């Protein structure tokens, strides 16, 4: 069974999965003083298919605001390239915790795109 939140990183310049991209997943929480802050809930690296599919397995998922952060600079450095976006960060909202949320990233050294996947 796949994690309720997954990602897939594709290198659009190479036309291939981006392997070994470090990714961190956060959830927005409210502290005792009512201040919103981000709490890291998962991290990992994309596999040989550019995916992370094993986050949060068995954990209760909740509605709320989440952030996913991709460390793209080290990925491009391994290729001997410089990139314009050293870190790519997206916030997204989970409204129905029973659904699967797939947050893909299309990336090149000078461009990024995302969408809600399936």
PDB file of N, CA and C in Angstrom:
ATOM      1  N   UNK A   1       0.839  -1.191   0.000  1.00  0.00           N
ATOM      2  CA  UNK A   1       0.000   0.000   0.000  1.00  0.00           C
ATOM      3  C   UNK A   1       0.879   1.247   0.000  1.00  0.00           C
ATOM      4  N   UNK A   2       0.566   2.198  -0.842  1.00  0.00           N
ATOM      5  CA  UNK A   2       1.367   3.412  -0.953  1.00  0.00           C
ATOM      6  C   UNK A   2       1.045   4.357   0.196  1.00  0.00           C
ATOM      7  N   UNK A   3       1.994   5.209   0.473  1.00  0.00           N
ATOM      8  CA  UNK A   3       1.818   6.253   1.477  1.00  0.00           C
ATOM      9  C   UNK A   3       0.690   7.192   1.056  1.00  0.00           C
ATOM     10  N   UNK A   4       0.016   7.839   1.997  1.00  0.00           N
ATOM     11  CA  UNK A   4      -1.049   8.776   1.630  1.00  0.00           C
ATOM     12  C   UNK A   4      -0.527  10.054   0.959  1.00  0.00           C
ATOM     13  N   UNK A   5       0.764  10.316   1.099  1.00  0.00           N
ATOM     14  CA  UNK A   5       1.398  11.447   0.409  1.00  0.00           C
ATOM     15  C   UNK A   5       2.627  10.903  -0.301  1.00  0.00           C
ATOM     16  N   UNK A   6       2.692  11.111  -1.611  1.00  0.00           N
ATOM     17  CA  UNK A   6       3.829  10.629  -2.394  1.00  0.00           C
ATOM     18  C   UNK A   6       4.340  11.745  -3.293  1.00  0.00           C
ATOM     19  N   UNK A   7       5.523  11.533  -3.866  1.00  0.00           N
ATOM     20  CA  UNK A   7       6.078  12.493  -4.811  1.00  0.00           C
ATOM     21  C   UNK A   7       6.853  11.752  -5.892  1.00  0.00           C
ATOM     22  N   UNK A   8       7.071  12.451  -6.975  1.00  0.00           N
ATOM     23  CA  UNK A   8       7.805  11.924  -8.126  1.00  0.00           C
ATOM     24  C   UNK A   8       8.530  13.111  -8.744  1.00  0.00           C
ATOM     25  N   UNK A   9       9.844  13.006  -8.895  1.00  0.00           N
ATOM     26  CA  UNK A   9      10.629  14.100  -9.471  1.00  0.00           C
ATOM     27  C   UNK A   9      11.154  13.654 -10.829  1.00  0.00           C
ATOM     28  N   UNK A  10      10.832  14.447 -11.845  1.00  0.00           N
ATOM     29  CA  UNK A  10      11.302  14.180 -13.201  1.00  0.00           C
ATOM     30  C   UNK A  10      12.206  15.313 -13.658  1.00  0.00           C
ATOM     31  N   UNK A  11      13.358  14.969 -14.189  1.00  0.00           N
ATOM     32  CA  UNK A  11      14.284  15.944 -14.753  1.00  0.00           C
ATOM     33  C   UNK A  11      13.875  16.151 -16.210  1.00  0.00           C
ATOM     34  N   UNK A  12      13.248  17.280 -16.482  1.00  0.00           N
ATOM     35  CA  UNK A  12      12.712  17.521 -17.823  1.00  0.00           C
ATOM     36  C   UNK A  12      13.817  17.775 -18.844  1.00  0.00           C
ATOM     37  N   UNK A  13      14.989  18.168 -18.400  1.00  0.00           N
ATOM     38  CA  UNK A  13      16.097  18.355 -19.332  1.00  0.00           C
ATOM     39  C   UNK A  13      16.606  17.009 -19.834  1.00  0.00           C
ATOM     40  N   UNK A  14      16.697  16.042 -18.949  1.00  0.00           N
ATOM     41  CA  UNK A  14      17.176  14.711 -19.323  1.00  0.00           C
ATOM     42  C   UNK A  14      16.053  13.812 -19.820  1.00  0.00           C
ATOM     43  N   UNK A  15      14.818  14.146 -19.463  1.00  0.00           N
ATOM     44  CA  UNK A  15      13.693  13.292 -19.808  1.00  0.00           C
ATOM     45  C   UNK A  15      13.697  11.999 -19.019  1.00  0.00           C
ATOM     46  N   UNK A  16      14.214  12.075 -17.774  1.00  0.00           N
ATOM     47  CA  UNK A  16      14.353  10.889 -16.930  1.00  0.00           C
ATOM     48  C   UNK A  16      13.974  11.223 -15.493  1.00  0.00           C
ATOM     49  N   UNK A  17      13.732  10.187 -14.683  1.00  0.00           N
ATOM     50  CA  UNK A  17      13.517  10.432 -13.256  1.00  0.00           C
ATOM     51  C   UNK A  17      14.748  11.063 -12.616  1.00  0.00           C
ATOM     52  N   UNK A  18      14.516  11.939 -11.662  1.00  0.00           N
ATOM     53  CA  UNK A  18      15.612  12.555 -10.902  1.00  0.00           C
ATOM     54  C   UNK A  18      15.888  11.668  -9.690  1.00  0.00           C
ATOM     55  N   UNK A  19      17.001  10.966  -9.730  1.00  0.00           N
ATOM     56  CA  UNK A  19      17.365   9.998  -8.699  1.00  0.00           C
ATOM     57  C   UNK A  19      18.185  10.679  -7.609  1.00  0.00           C
ATOM     58  N   UNK A  20      17.885  10.364  -6.360  1.00  0.00           N
ATOM     59  CA  UNK A  20      18.703  10.847  -5.245  1.00  0.00           C
ATOM     60  C   UNK A  20      18.417  12.263  -4.798  1.00  0.00           C
ATOM     61  N   UNK A  21      17.244  12.791  -5.098  1.00  0.00           N
ATOM     62  CA  UNK A  21      16.881  14.129  -4.628  1.00  0.00           C
ATOM     63  C   UNK A  21      16.374  14.012  -3.191  1.00  0.00           C
ATOM     64  N   UNK A  22      16.994  14.749  -2.274  1.00  0.00           N
ATOM     65  CA  UNK A  22      16.546  14.759  -0.882  1.00  0.00           C
ATOM     66  C   UNK A  22      15.262  15.577  -0.784  1.00  0.00           C
ATOM     67  N   UNK A  23      14.273  15.018  -0.077  1.00  0.00           N
ATOM     68  CA  UNK A  23      12.965  15.664   0.050  1.00  0.00           C
ATOM     69  C   UNK A  23      12.530  15.602   1.513  1.00  0.00           C
ATOM     70  N   UNK A  24      11.986  16.728   1.996  1.00  0.00           N
ATOM     71  CA  UNK A  24      11.481  16.786   3.370  1.00  0.00           C
ATOM     72  C   UNK A  24      10.008  17.175   3.316  1.00  0.00           C
ATOM     73  N   UNK A  25       9.210  16.521   4.138  1.00  0.00           N
ATOM     74  CA  UNK A  25       7.783  16.800   4.236  1.00  0.00           C
ATOM     75  C   UNK A  25       7.484  17.378   5.610  1.00  0.00           C
ATOM     76  N   UNK A  26       6.748  18.488   5.621  1.00  0.00           N
ATOM     77  CA  UNK A  26       6.379  19.177   6.863  1.00  0.00           C
ATOM     78  C   UNK A  26       4.862  19.272   6.957  1.00  0.00           C
ATOM     79  N   UNK A  27       4.375  19.421   8.182  1.00  0.00           N
ATOM     80  CA  UNK A  27       2.964  19.728   8.423  1.00  0.00           C
ATOM     81  C   UNK A  27       2.903  20.983   9.276  1.00  0.00           C
ATOM     82  N   UNK A  28       1.985  21.882   8.918  1.00  0.00           N
ATOM     83  CA  UNK A  28       1.800  23.093   9.702  1.00  0.00           C
ATOM     84  C   UNK A  28       1.025  22.737  10.973  1.00  0.00           C
ATOM     85  N   UNK A  29       1.566  23.145  12.099  1.00  0.00           N
ATOM     86  CA  UNK A  29       0.918  22.921  13.388  1.00  0.00           C
ATOM     87  C   UNK A  29       0.779  24.258  14.097  1.00  0.00           C
ATOM     88  N   UNK A  30      -0.083  24.306  15.089  1.00  0.00           N
ATOM     89  CA  UNK A  30      -0.280  25.511  15.887  1.00  0.00           C
ATOM     90  C   UNK A  30       0.218  25.213  17.294  1.00  0.00           C
ATOM     91  N   UNK A  31       1.158  26.043  17.787  1.00  0.00           N
ATOM     92  CA  UNK A  31       1.691  25.812  19.125  1.00  0.00           C
ATOM     93  C   UNK A  31       0.712  26.305  20.191  1.00  0.00           C
ATOM     94  N   UNK A  32       1.089  26.184  21.451  1.00  0.00           N
ATOM     95  CA  UNK A  32       0.211  26.560  22.566  1.00  0.00           C
ATOM     96  C   UNK A  32      -0.133  28.047  22.594  1.00  0.00           C
ATOM     97  N   UNK A  33       0.668  28.862  21.930  1.00  0.00           N
ATOM     98  CA  UNK A  33       0.425  30.308  21.876  1.00  0.00           C
ATOM     99  C   UNK A  33      -0.351  30.715  20.633  1.00  0.00           C
ATOM    100  N   UNK A  34      -0.774  29.735  19.832  1.00  0.00           N
ATOM    101  CA  UNK A  34      -1.525  30.032  18.622  1.00  0.00           C
ATOM    102  C   UNK A  34      -0.658  30.371  17.422  1.00  0.00           C
ATOM    103  N   UNK A  35       0.655  30.222  17.567  1.00  0.00           N
ATOM    104  CA  UNK A  35       1.587  30.523  16.472  1.00  0.00           C
ATOM    105  C   UNK A  35       1.700  29.311  15.543  1.00  0.00           C
ATOM    106  N   UNK A  36       1.614  29.570  14.238  1.00  0.00           N
ATOM    107  CA  UNK A  36       1.763  28.502  13.246  1.00  0.00           C
ATOM    108  C   UNK A  36       3.241  28.234  13.002  1.00  0.00           C
ATOM    109  N   UNK A  37       3.583  26.970  12.985  1.00  0.00           N
ATOM    110  CA  UNK A  37       4.957  26.584  12.669  1.00  0.00           C
ATOM    111  C   UNK A  37       4.932  25.276  11.897  1.00  0.00           C
ATOM    112  N   UNK A  38       6.056  24.978  11.263  1.00  0.00           N
ATOM    113  CA  UNK A  38       6.165  23.744  10.478  1.00  0.00           C
ATOM    114  C   UNK A  38       6.880  22.680  11.289  1.00  0.00           C
ATOM    115  N   UNK A  39       6.340  21.472  11.236  1.00  0.00           N
ATOM    116  CA  UNK A  39       6.931  20.336  11.925  1.00  0.00           C
ATOM    117  C   UNK A  39       7.317  19.286  10.886  1.00  0.00           C
ATOM    118  N   UNK A  40       8.586  18.898  10.880  1.00  0.00           N
ATOM    119  CA  UNK A  40       9.012  17.854   9.942  1.00  0.00           C
ATOM    120  C   UNK A  40       8.346  16.543  10.321  1.00  0.00           C
ATOM    121  N   UNK A  41       7.716  15.902   9.329  1.00  0.00           N
ATOM    122  CA  UNK A  41       7.054  14.623   9.606  1.00  0.00           C
ATOM    123  C   UNK A  41       7.641  13.468   8.801  1.00  0.00           C
ATOM    124  N   UNK A  42       8.440  13.777   7.765  1.00  0.00           N
ATOM    125  CA  UNK A  42       9.057  12.713   6.972  1.00  0.00           C
ATOM    126  C   UNK A  42      10.184  13.299   6.125  1.00  0.00           C
ATOM    127  N   UNK A  43      11.126  12.450   5.771  1.00  0.00           N
ATOM    128  CA  UNK A  43      12.187  12.855   4.840  1.00  0.00           C
ATOM    129  C   UNK A  43      12.670  11.607   4.117  1.00  0.00           C
ATOM    130  N   UNK A  44      13.310  11.832   2.992  1.00  0.00           N
ATOM    131  CA  UNK A  44      13.823  10.713   2.228  1.00  0.00           C
ATOM    132  C   UNK A  44      14.494  11.192   0.959  1.00  0.00           C
ATOM    133  N   UNK A  45      14.897  10.239   0.139  1.00  0.00           N
ATOM    134  CA  UNK A  45      15.511  10.528  -1.164  1.00  0.00           C
ATOM    135  C   UNK A  45      14.738   9.794  -2.236  1.00  0.00           C
ATOM    136  N   UNK A  46      14.652  10.432  -3.398  1.00  0.00           N
ATOM    137  CA  UNK A  46      13.955   9.778  -4.498  1.00  0.00           C
ATOM    138  C   UNK A  46      14.703   8.513  -4.920  1.00  0.00           C
ATOM    139  N   UNK A  47      13.929   7.492  -5.278  1.00  0.00           N
ATOM    140  CA  UNK A  47      14.495   6.201  -5.647  1.00  0.00           C
ATOM    141  C   UNK A  47      14.923   6.182  -7.125  1.00  0.00           C
ATOM    142  N   UNK A  48      15.203   5.007  -7.639  1.00  0.00           N
ATOM    143  CA  UNK A  48      15.696   4.875  -9.016  1.00  0.00           C
ATOM    144  C   UNK A  48      14.660   5.288 -10.059  1.00  0.00           C
ATOM    145  N   UNK A  49      13.404   5.413  -9.638  1.00  0.00           N
ATOM    146  CA  UNK A  49      12.349   5.902 -10.529  1.00  0.00           C
ATOM    147  C   UNK A  49      11.968   7.353 -10.202  1.00  0.00           C
ATOM    148  N   UNK A  50      12.764   8.017  -9.358  1.00  0.00           N
ATOM    149  CA  UNK A  50      12.506   9.403  -8.997  1.00  0.00           C
ATOM    150  C   UNK A  50      11.353   9.573  -8.014  1.00  0.00           C
ATOM    151  N   UNK A  51      10.983   8.512  -7.311  1.00  0.00           N
ATOM    152  CA  UNK A  51       9.793   8.548  -6.448  1.00  0.00           C
ATOM    153  C   UNK A  51      10.127   8.361  -4.970  1.00  0.00           C
ATOM    154  N   UNK A  52       9.226   8.904  -4.145  1.00  0.00           N
ATOM    155  CA  UNK A  52       9.172   8.559  -2.731  1.00  0.00           C
ATOM    156  C   UNK A  52       7.741   8.096  -2.495  1.00  0.00           C
ATOM    157  N   UNK A  53       7.599   6.829  -2.157  1.00  0.00           N
ATOM    158  CA  UNK A  53       6.261   6.245  -2.015  1.00  0.00           C
ATOM    159  C   UNK A  53       6.027   5.656  -0.619  1.00  0.00           C
ATOM    160  N   UNK A  54       7.014   5.744   0.249  1.00  0.00           N
ATOM    161  CA  UNK A  54       6.912   5.051   1.530  1.00  0.00           C
ATOM    162  C   UNK A  54       6.852   5.984   2.737  1.00  0.00           C
ATOM    163  N   UNK A  55       6.413   7.227   2.549  1.00  0.00           N
ATOM    164  CA  UNK A  55       6.229   8.140   3.670  1.00  0.00           C
ATOM    165  C   UNK A  55       4.949   7.804   4.409  1.00  0.00           C
ATOM    166  N   UNK A  56       4.933   7.983   5.700  1.00  0.00           N
ATOM    167  CA  UNK A  56       3.721   7.976   6.519  1.00  0.00           C
ATOM    168  C   UNK A  56       2.923   6.682   6.482  1.00  0.00           C
ATOM    169  N   UNK A  57       3.515   5.603   6.042  1.00  0.00           N
ATOM    170  CA  UNK A  57       2.768   4.346   5.990  1.00  0.00           C
ATOM    171  C   UNK A  57       2.286   3.982   7.385  1.00  0.00           C
ATOM    172  N   UNK A  58       1.012   3.724   7.490  1.00  0.00           N
ATOM    173  CA  UNK A  58       0.423   3.340   8.758  1.00  0.00           C
ATOM    174  C   UNK A  58       0.132   4.496   9.703  1.00  0.00           C
ATOM    175  N   UNK A  59       0.583   5.682   9.385  1.00  0.00           N
ATOM    176  CA  UNK A  59       0.337   6.830  10.248  1.00  0.00           C
ATOM    177  C   UNK A  59      -1.004   7.471   9.912  1.00  0.00           C
ATOM    178  N   UNK A  60      -1.618   8.035  10.912  1.00  0.00           N
ATOM    179  CA  UNK A  60      -2.869   8.758  10.722  1.00  0.00           C
ATOM    180  C   UNK A  60      -2.587  10.041   9.942  1.00  0.00           C
ATOM    181  N   UNK A  61      -3.330  10.276   8.902  1.00  0.00           N
ATOM    182  CA  UNK A  61      -3.176  11.525   8.164  1.00  0.00           C
ATOM    183  C   UNK A  61      -4.272  12.487   8.594  1.00  0.00           C
ATOM    184  N   UNK A  62      -3.970  13.759   8.490  1.00  0.00           N
ATOM    185  CA  UNK A  62      -4.888  14.785   8.962  1.00  0.00           C
ATOM    186  C   UNK A  62      -5.067  15.847   7.898  1.00  0.00           C
ATOM    187  N   UNK A  63      -6.229  16.512   7.947  1.00  0.00           N
ATOM    188  CA  UNK A  63      -6.430  17.684   7.101  1.00  0.00           C
ATOM    189  C   UNK A  63      -5.477  18.776   7.575  1.00  0.00           C
ATOM    190  N   UNK A  64      -5.091  19.651   6.667  1.00  0.00           N
ATOM    191  CA  UNK A  64      -4.225  20.757   7.054  1.00  0.00           C
ATOM    192  C   UNK A  64      -3.324  21.205   5.925  1.00  0.00           C
ATOM    193  N   UNK A  65      -2.389  22.071   6.285  1.00  0.00           N
ATOM    194  CA  UNK A  65      -1.412  22.614   5.349  1.00  0.00           C
ATOM    195  C   UNK A  65      -0.112  21.834   5.503  1.00  0.00           C
ATOM    196  N   UNK A  66       0.433  21.424   4.373  1.00  0.00           N
ATOM    197  CA  UNK A  66       1.690  20.679   4.343  1.00  0.00           C
ATOM    198  C   UNK A  66       2.683  21.423   3.448  1.00  0.00           C
ATOM    199  N   UNK A  67       3.945  21.152   3.655  1.00  0.00           N
ATOM    200  CA  UNK A  67       5.004  21.715   2.800  1.00  0.00           C
ATOM    201  C   UNK A  67       5.916  20.576   2.382  1.00  0.00           C
ATOM    202  N   UNK A  68       6.299  20.609   1.115  1.00  0.00           N
ATOM    203  CA  UNK A  68       7.262  19.643   0.596  1.00  0.00           C
ATOM    204  C   UNK A  68       8.443  20.444   0.057  1.00  0.00           C
ATOM    205  N   UNK A  69       9.652  20.020   0.438  1.00  0.00           N
ATOM    206  CA  UNK A  69      10.860  20.764   0.091  1.00  0.00           C
ATOM    207  C   UNK A  69      11.854  19.830  -0.601  1.00  0.00           C
ATOM    208  N   UNK A  70      12.233  20.207  -1.807  1.00  0.00           N
ATOM    209  CA  UNK A  70      13.152  19.422  -2.627  1.00  0.00           C
ATOM    210  C   UNK A  70      14.521  20.103  -2.657  1.00  0.00           C
ATOM    211  N   UNK A  71      15.581  19.380  -2.325  1.00  0.00           N
ATOM    212  CA  UNK A  71      16.940  19.906  -2.373  1.00  0.00           C
ATOM    213  C   UNK A  71      17.496  19.665  -3.779  1.00  0.00           C
ATOM    214  N   UNK A  72      17.265  20.614  -4.665  1.00  0.00           N
ATOM    215  CA  UNK A  72      17.647  20.436  -6.062  1.00  0.00           C
ATOM    216  C   UNK A  72      19.114  20.784  -6.335  1.00  0.00           C
ATOM    217  N   UNK A  73      19.697  21.670  -5.532  1.00  0.00           N
ATOM    218  CA  UNK A  73      21.084  22.065  -5.766  1.00  0.00           C
ATOM    219  C   UNK A  73      22.042  20.870  -5.756  1.00  0.00           C
ATOM    220  N   UNK A  74      22.020  20.022  -4.722  1.00  0.00           N
ATOM    221  CA  UNK A  74      22.930  18.869  -4.728  1.00  0.00           C
ATOM    222  C   UNK A  74      22.695  17.930  -5.913  1.00  0.00           C
ATOM    223  N   UNK A  75      21.439  17.773  -6.312  1.00  0.00           N
ATOM    224  CA  UNK A  75      21.126  16.919  -7.468  1.00  0.00           C
ATOM    225  C   UNK A  75      21.837  17.428  -8.718  1.00  0.00           C
ATOM    226  N   UNK A  76      21.731  18.728  -8.989  1.00  0.00           N
ATOM    227  CA  UNK A  76      22.367  19.285 -10.185  1.00  0.00           C
ATOM    228  C   UNK A  76      23.882  19.370 -10.043  1.00  0.00           C
ATOM    229  N   UNK A  77      24.379  19.606  -8.826  1.00  0.00           N
ATOM    230  CA  UNK A  77      25.826  19.633  -8.608  1.00  0.00           C
ATOM    231  C   UNK A  77      26.462  18.300  -8.984  1.00  0.00           C
ATOM    232  N   UNK A  78      25.764  17.189  -8.685  1.00  0.00           N
ATOM    233  CA  UNK A  78      26.276  15.861  -9.046  1.00  0.00           C
ATOM    234  C   UNK A  78      26.420  15.695 -10.552  1.00  0.00           C
ATOM    235  N   UNK A  79      25.652  16.483 -11.312  1.00  0.00           N
ATOM    236  CA  UNK A  79      25.727  16.451 -12.773  1.00  0.00           C
ATOM    237  C   UNK A  79      26.713  17.487 -13.313  1.00  0.00           C
ATOM    238  N   UNK A  80      27.348  18.230 -12.403  1.00  0.00           N
ATOM    239  CA  UNK A  80      28.272  19.277 -12.820  1.00  0.00           C
ATOM    240  C   UNK A  80      27.560  20.514 -13.336  1.00  0.00           C
ATOM    241  N   UNK A  81      26.314  20.712 -12.893  1.00  0.00           N
ATOM    242  CA  UNK A  81      25.514  21.848 -13.356  1.00  0.00           C
ATOM    243  C   UNK A  81      25.188  22.781 -12.200  1.00  0.00           C
ATOM    244  N   UNK A  82      24.982  24.022 -12.554  1.00  0.00           N
ATOM    245  CA  UNK A  82      24.445  24.999 -11.620  1.00  0.00           C
ATOM    246  C   UNK A  82      22.954  25.083 -11.876  1.00  0.00           C
ATOM    247  N   UNK A  83      22.182  25.415 -10.837  1.00  0.00           N
ATOM    248  CA  UNK A  83      20.749  25.551 -11.059  1.00  0.00           C
ATOM    249  C   UNK A  83      20.248  26.870 -10.480  1.00  0.00           C
ATOM    250  N   UNK A  84      19.190  27.364 -11.038  1.00  0.00           N
ATOM    251  CA  UNK A  84      18.603  28.630 -10.621  1.00  0.00           C
ATOM    252  C   UNK A  84      17.808  28.482  -9.331  1.00  0.00           C
ATOM    253  N   UNK A  85      17.194  27.313  -9.114  1.00  0.00           N
ATOM    254  CA  UNK A  85      16.380  27.046  -7.934  1.00  0.00           C
ATOM    255  C   UNK A  85      17.092  26.018  -7.042  1.00  0.00           C
ATOM    256  N   UNK A  86      17.920  26.457  -6.092  1.00  0.00           N
ATOM    257  CA  UNK A  86      18.665  25.505  -5.268  1.00  0.00           C
ATOM    258  C   UNK A  86      17.784  24.667  -4.352  1.00  0.00           C
ATOM    259  N   UNK A  87      16.643  25.210  -3.991  1.00  0.00           N
ATOM    260  CA  UNK A  87      15.644  24.489  -3.202  1.00  0.00           C
ATOM    261  C   UNK A  87      14.284  24.823  -3.786  1.00  0.00           C
ATOM    262  N   UNK A  88      13.446  23.816  -3.941  1.00  0.00           N
ATOM    263  CA  UNK A  88      12.088  24.029  -4.447  1.00  0.00           C
ATOM    264  C   UNK A  88      11.122  23.637  -3.335  1.00  0.00           C
ATOM    265  N   UNK A  89      10.253  24.573  -2.975  1.00  0.00           N
ATOM    266  CA  UNK A  89       9.328  24.363  -1.862  1.00  0.00           C
ATOM    267  C   UNK A  89       7.911  24.684  -2.304  1.00  0.00           C
ATOM    268  N   UNK A  90       6.988  23.774  -1.989  1.00  0.00           N
ATOM    269  CA  UNK A  90       5.577  23.990  -2.293  1.00  0.00           C
ATOM    270  C   UNK A  90       4.753  23.702  -1.048  1.00  0.00           C
ATOM    271  N   UNK A  91       3.783  24.559  -0.786  1.00  0.00           N
ATOM    272  CA  UNK A  91       2.790  24.290   0.246  1.00  0.00           C
ATOM    273  C   UNK A  91       1.543  23.756  -0.446  1.00  0.00           C
ATOM    274  N   UNK A  92       0.876  22.827   0.198  1.00  0.00           N
ATOM    275  CA  UNK A  92      -0.367  22.286  -0.360  1.00  0.00           C
ATOM    276  C   UNK A  92      -1.319  21.954   0.777  1.00  0.00           C
ATOM    277  N   UNK A  93      -2.586  21.861   0.446  1.00  0.00           N
ATOM    278  CA  UNK A  93      -3.630  21.653   1.448  1.00  0.00           C
ATOM    279  C   UNK A  93      -4.255  20.271   1.278  1.00  0.00           C
ATOM    280  N   UNK A  94      -4.378  19.563   2.394  1.00  0.00           N
ATOM    281  CA  UNK A  94      -5.118  18.311   2.423  1.00  0.00           C
ATOM    282  C   UNK A  94      -6.468  18.608   3.062  1.00  0.00           C
ATOM    283  N   UNK A  95      -7.516  18.429   2.277  1.00  0.00           N
ATOM    284  CA  UNK A  95      -8.865  18.660   2.786  1.00  0.00           C
ATOM    285  C   UNK A  95      -9.558  17.354   3.156  1.00  0.00           C
ATOM    286  N   UNK A  96      -9.275  16.295   2.419  1.00  0.00           N
ATOM    287  CA  UNK A  96      -9.890  15.003   2.689  1.00  0.00           C
ATOM    288  C   UNK A  96      -8.783  13.998   3.010  1.00  0.00           C
ATOM    289  N   UNK A  97      -8.543  13.736   4.296  1.00  0.00           N
ATOM    290  CA  UNK A  97      -7.446  12.844   4.689  1.00  0.00           C
ATOM    291  C   UNK A  97      -7.559  11.414   4.159  1.00  0.00           C
ATOM    292  N   UNK A  98      -8.737  11.016   3.686  1.00  0.00           N
ATOM    293  CA  UNK A  98      -8.902   9.661   3.163  1.00  0.00           C
ATOM    294  C   UNK A  98      -8.391   9.505   1.735  1.00  0.00           C
ATOM    295  N   UNK A  99      -8.111  10.623   1.072  1.00  0.00           N
ATOM    296  CA  UNK A  99      -7.624  10.571  -0.311  1.00  0.00           C
ATOM    297  C   UNK A  99      -6.102  10.449  -0.345  1.00  0.00           C
ATOM    298  N   UNK A 100      -5.589   9.995  -1.472  1.00  0.00           N
ATOM    299  CA  UNK A 100      -4.151   9.959  -1.733  1.00  0.00           C
ATOM    300  C   UNK A 100      -3.728  11.295  -2.320  1.00  0.00           C
ATOM    301  N   UNK A 101      -2.622  11.821  -1.851  1.00  0.00           N
ATOM    302  CA  UNK A 101      -2.105  13.100  -2.355  1.00  0.00           C
ATOM    303  C   UNK A 101      -0.732  12.856  -2.971  1.00  0.00           C
ATOM    304  N   UNK A 102      -0.645  13.106  -4.271  1.00  0.00           N
ATOM    305  CA  UNK A 102       0.594  12.931  -5.020  1.00  0.00           C
ATOM    306  C   UNK A 102       1.054  14.308  -5.477  1.00  0.00           C
ATOM    307  N   UNK A 103       2.287  14.693  -5.083  1.00  0.00           N
ATOM    308  CA  UNK A 103       2.817  16.017  -5.389  1.00  0.00           C
ATOM    309  C   UNK A 103       4.091  15.848  -6.230  1.00  0.00           C
ATOM    310  N   UNK A 104       3.945  15.793  -7.551  1.00  0.00           N
ATOM    311  CA  UNK A 104       5.109  15.623  -8.417  1.00  0.00           C
ATOM    312  C   UNK A 104       5.825  16.948  -8.674  1.00  0.00           C
ATOM    313  N   UNK A 105       7.090  16.834  -9.047  1.00  0.00           N
ATOM    314  CA  UNK A 105       7.893  17.997  -9.424  1.00  0.00           C
ATOM    315  C   UNK A 105       8.544  17.711 -10.772  1.00  0.00           C
ATOM    316  N   UNK A 106       8.345  18.612 -11.704  1.00  0.00           N
ATOM    317  CA  UNK A 106       9.074  18.600 -12.972  1.00  0.00           C
ATOM    318  C   UNK A 106      10.145  19.664 -12.826  1.00  0.00           C
ATOM    319  N   UNK A 107      11.392  19.297 -13.037  1.00  0.00           N
ATOM    320  CA  UNK A 107      12.480  20.231 -12.758  1.00  0.00           C
ATOM    321  C   UNK A 107      13.544  20.177 -13.852  1.00  0.00           C
ATOM    322  N   UNK A 108      14.105  21.327 -14.112  1.00  0.00           N
ATOM    323  CA  UNK A 108      15.323  21.440 -14.916  1.00  0.00           C
ATOM    324  C   UNK A 108      16.182  22.464 -14.191  1.00  0.00           C
ATOM    325  N   UNK A 109      17.361  22.715 -14.680  1.00  0.00           N
ATOM    326  CA  UNK A 109      18.247  23.658 -14.002  1.00  0.00           C
ATOM    327  C   UNK A 109      17.658  25.067 -13.947  1.00  0.00           C
ATOM    328  N   UNK A 110      16.731  25.381 -14.841  1.00  0.00           N
ATOM    329  CA  UNK A 110      16.180  26.746 -14.884  1.00  0.00           C
ATOM    330  C   UNK A 110      14.664  26.787 -14.945  1.00  0.00           C
ATOM    331  N   UNK A 111      13.998  25.696 -14.551  1.00  0.00           N
ATOM    332  CA  UNK A 111      12.538  25.696 -14.575  1.00  0.00           C
ATOM    333  C   UNK A 111      11.961  24.670 -13.635  1.00  0.00           C
ATOM    334  N   UNK A 112      10.772  24.974 -13.104  1.00  0.00           N
ATOM    335  CA  UNK A 112      10.077  24.061 -12.212  1.00  0.00           C
ATOM    336  C   UNK A 112       8.575  24.099 -12.498  1.00  0.00           C
ATOM    337  N   UNK A 113       7.911  23.001 -12.185  1.00  0.00           N
ATOM    338  CA  UNK A 113       6.464  22.933 -12.328  1.00  0.00           C
ATOM    339  C   UNK A 113       5.946  21.824 -11.405  1.00  0.00           C
ATOM    340  N   UNK A 114       4.739  21.994 -10.932  1.00  0.00           N
ATOM    341  CA  UNK A 114       4.103  20.961 -10.112  1.00  0.00           C
ATOM    342  C   UNK A 114       2.604  20.976 -10.392  1.00  0.00           C
ATOM    343  N   UNK A 115       1.940  19.944  -9.912  1.00  0.00           N
ATOM    344  CA  UNK A 115       0.493  19.820 -10.065  1.00  0.00           C
ATOM    345  C   UNK A 115       0.036  18.753  -9.078  1.00  0.00           C
ATOM    346  N   UNK A 116      -1.245  18.640  -8.858  1.00  0.00           N
ATOM    347  CA  UNK A 116      -1.738  17.545  -8.029  1.00  0.00           C
ATOM    348  C   UNK A 116      -1.875  16.308  -8.907  1.00  0.00           C
ATOM    349  N   UNK A 117      -1.065  15.348  -8.621  1.00  0.00           N
ATOM    350  CA  UNK A 117      -1.072  14.115  -9.392  1.00  0.00           C
ATOM    351  C   UNK A 117      -2.092  13.136  -8.855  1.00  0.00           C
ATOM    352  N   UNK A 118      -2.051  11.938  -9.414  1.00  0.00           N
ATOM    353  CA  UNK A 118      -2.988  10.901  -8.964  1.00  0.00           C
ATOM    354  C   UNK A 118      -2.236   9.689  -8.480  1.00  0.00           C
TER     355      UNK A 118
END
